[in-house]
Amino acid sequence: LLLPGLGAVSATRSLLSDELSADESERLDVTCISIRGAPRANEPVPGALIVAGIVPATDADDESVYNVRQWLRLALGSGTAAPISLVLNSRLRTPPVELASYQPVYALLPYAVRRVQNSAGYR
């Protein structure tokens, strides 16, 4: 799960810590695009790839879009066993060529992820 910033990573990990078992947490990599960087040359293909919040580069040193494109290329180039890939809330004016074969899906209803208080506390 590649997220746009450390705040999103921290919030996501906090929400998931209560919901996932230790084994599930170990298999899930939640990180920031700028920290994780592009996949290495011998990077194994992930079972699934979720990228959230792709935004245009803010300056010449920002490689976030480049890194996301490299991850998408890894997923697309993996042959018949391509992982499930999902790109959420892309804010790019022109989608990268790696998204040309993707099927756009739209939500007609707004959605939100938030904590809910129940009798056992927050969830």
Foldseek 3Di string as FASTA:
>chain_A
DEEADPVVLVVVCVVVVVPDDPVVVVLDDRDYLQVVFAADPPRDQRQEEEYEEADDDPDPPDCSVVRVVNNLCSQVPPPPSRHHYYYYDHPDPDDDPSCVPPDDDDDPDDDDDDWDQDPVGID
